[in-house]
């Protein structure tokens, strides 16, 4: 947390930078929105895949369900390991 004085200074610097280079702020805003959108899509995909695991296990059998679960765990581990780059 910034103190009130530091926050005020930061806001002032931000306003000055935004006034002097609006193109930079536009590009930065687009990247931030794209990162948030990608993060939400990955989270939704993970929830849907994990929710479908019981159905896959029942319909395709336990061995296929186990492989599906291992693949989901591996995907979660890779996402966790590289979360700074992916998200």
C-alpha atoms as a PDB file:
ATOM      1  CA  UNK A   1       0.000   0.000   0.000  1.00  0.00           C
ATOM      2  CA  UNK A   2       1.148   3.473  -0.812  1.00  0.00           C
ATOM      3  CA  UNK A   3       0.751   6.308   1.604  1.00  0.00           C
ATOM      4  CA  UNK A   4      -1.677   9.054   0.625  1.00  0.00           C
ATOM      5  CA  UNK A   5       1.191  11.313  -0.379  1.00  0.00           C
ATOM      6  CA  UNK A   6       2.865   8.608  -2.477  1.00  0.00           C
ATOM      7  CA  UNK A   7      -0.453   7.740  -4.119  1.00  0.00           C
ATOM      8  CA  UNK A   8      -1.027  11.395  -4.951  1.00  0.00           C
ATOM      9  CA  UNK A   9       2.450  11.656  -6.508  1.00  0.00           C
ATOM     10  CA  UNK A  10       1.932   8.439  -8.445  1.00  0.00           C
ATOM     11  CA  UNK A  11      -1.412   9.686  -9.790  1.00  0.00           C
ATOM     12  CA  UNK A  12       0.177  12.981 -10.824  1.00  0.00           C
ATOM     13  CA  UNK A  13       3.027  11.215 -12.642  1.00  0.00           C
ATOM     14  CA  UNK A  14       0.531   8.927 -14.337  1.00  0.00           C
ATOM     15  CA  UNK A  15      -1.589  11.862 -15.517  1.00  0.00           C
ATOM     16  CA  UNK A  16       1.478  13.656 -16.892  1.00  0.00           C
ATOM     17  CA  UNK A  17       2.670  10.550 -18.714  1.00  0.00           C
ATOM     18  CA  UNK A  18      -0.794   9.920 -20.116  1.00  0.00           C
ATOM     19  CA  UNK A  19      -0.972  13.505 -21.390  1.00  0.00           C
ATOM     20  CA  UNK A  20       2.497  13.354 -22.954  1.00  0.00           C
ATOM     21  CA  UNK A  21       2.166   9.881 -24.575  1.00  0.00           C
ATOM     22  CA  UNK A  22      -1.460   8.765 -25.039  1.00  0.00           C
ATOM     23  CA  UNK A  23      -0.450   6.073 -27.557  1.00  0.00           C
ATOM     24  CA  UNK A  24       1.565   4.269 -24.898  1.00  0.00           C
ATOM     25  CA  UNK A  25      -1.405   4.189 -22.538  1.00  0.00           C
ATOM     26  CA  UNK A  26      -3.700   2.923 -25.297  1.00  0.00           C
ATOM     27  CA  UNK A  27      -1.328   0.032 -26.119  1.00  0.00           C
ATOM     28  CA  UNK A  28      -0.858  -0.771 -22.443  1.00  0.00           C
ATOM     29  CA  UNK A  29      -4.624  -0.821 -21.894  1.00  0.00           C
ATOM     30  CA  UNK A  30      -5.137  -3.174 -24.854  1.00  0.00           C
ATOM     31  CA  UNK A  31      -2.497  -5.602 -23.549  1.00  0.00           C
ATOM     32  CA  UNK A  32      -4.034  -5.564 -20.096  1.00  0.00           C
ATOM     33  CA  UNK A  33      -7.498  -6.283 -21.462  1.00  0.00           C
ATOM     34  CA  UNK A  34      -6.166  -9.099 -23.671  1.00  0.00           C
ATOM     35  CA  UNK A  35      -4.349 -10.642 -20.692  1.00  0.00           C
ATOM     36  CA  UNK A  36      -7.491 -10.493 -18.549  1.00  0.00           C
ATOM     37  CA  UNK A  37      -9.582 -12.005 -21.359  1.00  0.00           C
ATOM     38  CA  UNK A  38      -7.061 -14.834 -21.877  1.00  0.00           C
ATOM     39  CA  UNK A  39      -6.928 -15.495 -18.139  1.00  0.00           C
ATOM     40  CA  UNK A  40     -10.714 -15.739 -17.911  1.00  0.00           C
ATOM     41  CA  UNK A  41     -10.900 -18.054 -20.918  1.00  0.00           C
ATOM     42  CA  UNK A  42      -8.268 -20.381 -19.452  1.00  0.00           C
ATOM     43  CA  UNK A  43     -10.081 -20.456 -16.121  1.00  0.00           C
ATOM     44  CA  UNK A  44     -13.405 -21.212 -17.802  1.00  0.00           C
ATOM     45  CA  UNK A  45     -11.799 -23.987 -19.867  1.00  0.00           C
ATOM     46  CA  UNK A  46     -10.296 -25.529 -16.733  1.00  0.00           C
ATOM     47  CA  UNK A  47     -13.625 -25.450 -14.893  1.00  0.00           C
ATOM     48  CA  UNK A  48     -15.485 -27.016 -17.837  1.00  0.00           C
ATOM     49  CA  UNK A  49     -12.894 -29.758 -18.281  1.00  0.00           C
ATOM     50  CA  UNK A  50     -12.793 -30.614 -14.575  1.00  0.00           C
ATOM     51  CA  UNK A  51     -16.608 -30.613 -14.427  1.00  0.00           C
ATOM     52  CA  UNK A  52     -16.746 -33.013 -17.384  1.00  0.00           C
ATOM     53  CA  UNK A  53     -14.358 -35.504 -15.752  1.00  0.00           C
ATOM     54  CA  UNK A  54     -17.092 -37.537 -14.001  1.00  0.00           C
ATOM     55  CA  UNK A  55     -19.119 -37.778 -17.214  1.00  0.00           C
ATOM     56  CA  UNK A  56     -16.070 -38.896 -19.193  1.00  0.00           C
ATOM     57  CA  UNK A  57     -15.294 -41.495 -16.533  1.00  0.00           C
ATOM     58  CA  UNK A  58     -18.834 -42.881 -16.586  1.00  0.00           C
ATOM     59  CA  UNK A  59     -19.235 -42.850 -20.371  1.00  0.00           C
ATOM     60  CA  UNK A  60     -15.765 -43.967 -21.461  1.00  0.00           C
ATOM     61  CA  UNK A  61     -14.667 -46.041 -18.470  1.00  0.00           C
ATOM     62  CA  UNK A  62     -12.284 -45.720 -15.581  1.00  0.00           C
ATOM     63  CA  UNK A  63      -9.023 -46.053 -17.555  1.00  0.00           C
ATOM     64  CA  UNK A  64     -10.013 -43.226 -19.900  1.00  0.00           C
ATOM     65  CA  UNK A  65     -11.183 -41.149 -16.935  1.00  0.00           C
ATOM     66  CA  UNK A  66      -7.866 -41.734 -15.192  1.00  0.00           C
ATOM     67  CA  UNK A  67      -5.918 -40.661 -18.289  1.00  0.00           C
ATOM     68  CA  UNK A  68      -8.166 -37.602 -18.587  1.00  0.00           C
ATOM     69  CA  UNK A  69      -7.541 -36.718 -14.930  1.00  0.00           C
ATOM     70  CA  UNK A  70      -3.777 -37.131 -15.308  1.00  0.00           C
ATOM     71  CA  UNK A  71      -3.838 -34.916 -18.409  1.00  0.00           C
ATOM     72  CA  UNK A  72      -5.816 -32.273 -16.498  1.00  0.00           C
ATOM     73  CA  UNK A  73      -3.381 -32.417 -13.581  1.00  0.00           C
ATOM     74  CA  UNK A  74      -0.422 -32.081 -15.942  1.00  0.00           C
ATOM     75  CA  UNK A  75      -2.089 -29.099 -17.620  1.00  0.00           C
ATOM     76  CA  UNK A  76      -2.736 -27.504 -14.233  1.00  0.00           C
ATOM     77  CA  UNK A  77       0.897 -28.067 -13.200  1.00  0.00           C
ATOM     78  CA  UNK A  78       2.227 -26.514 -16.416  1.00  0.00           C
ATOM     79  CA  UNK A  79      -0.146 -23.567 -16.092  1.00  0.00           C
ATOM     80  CA  UNK A  80       0.913 -23.055 -12.471  1.00  0.00           C
ATOM     81  CA  UNK A  81       4.605 -23.301 -13.375  1.00  0.00           C
ATOM     82  CA  UNK A  82       4.374 -20.786 -16.236  1.00  0.00           C
ATOM     83  CA  UNK A  83       1.534 -18.651 -14.863  1.00  0.00           C
ATOM     84  CA  UNK A  84       3.507 -15.399 -15.128  1.00  0.00           C
ATOM     85  CA  UNK A  85       4.023 -15.906 -18.849  1.00  0.00           C
ATOM     86  CA  UNK A  86       0.593 -17.344 -19.621  1.00  0.00           C
ATOM     87  CA  UNK A  87      -1.555 -15.023 -17.567  1.00  0.00           C
END
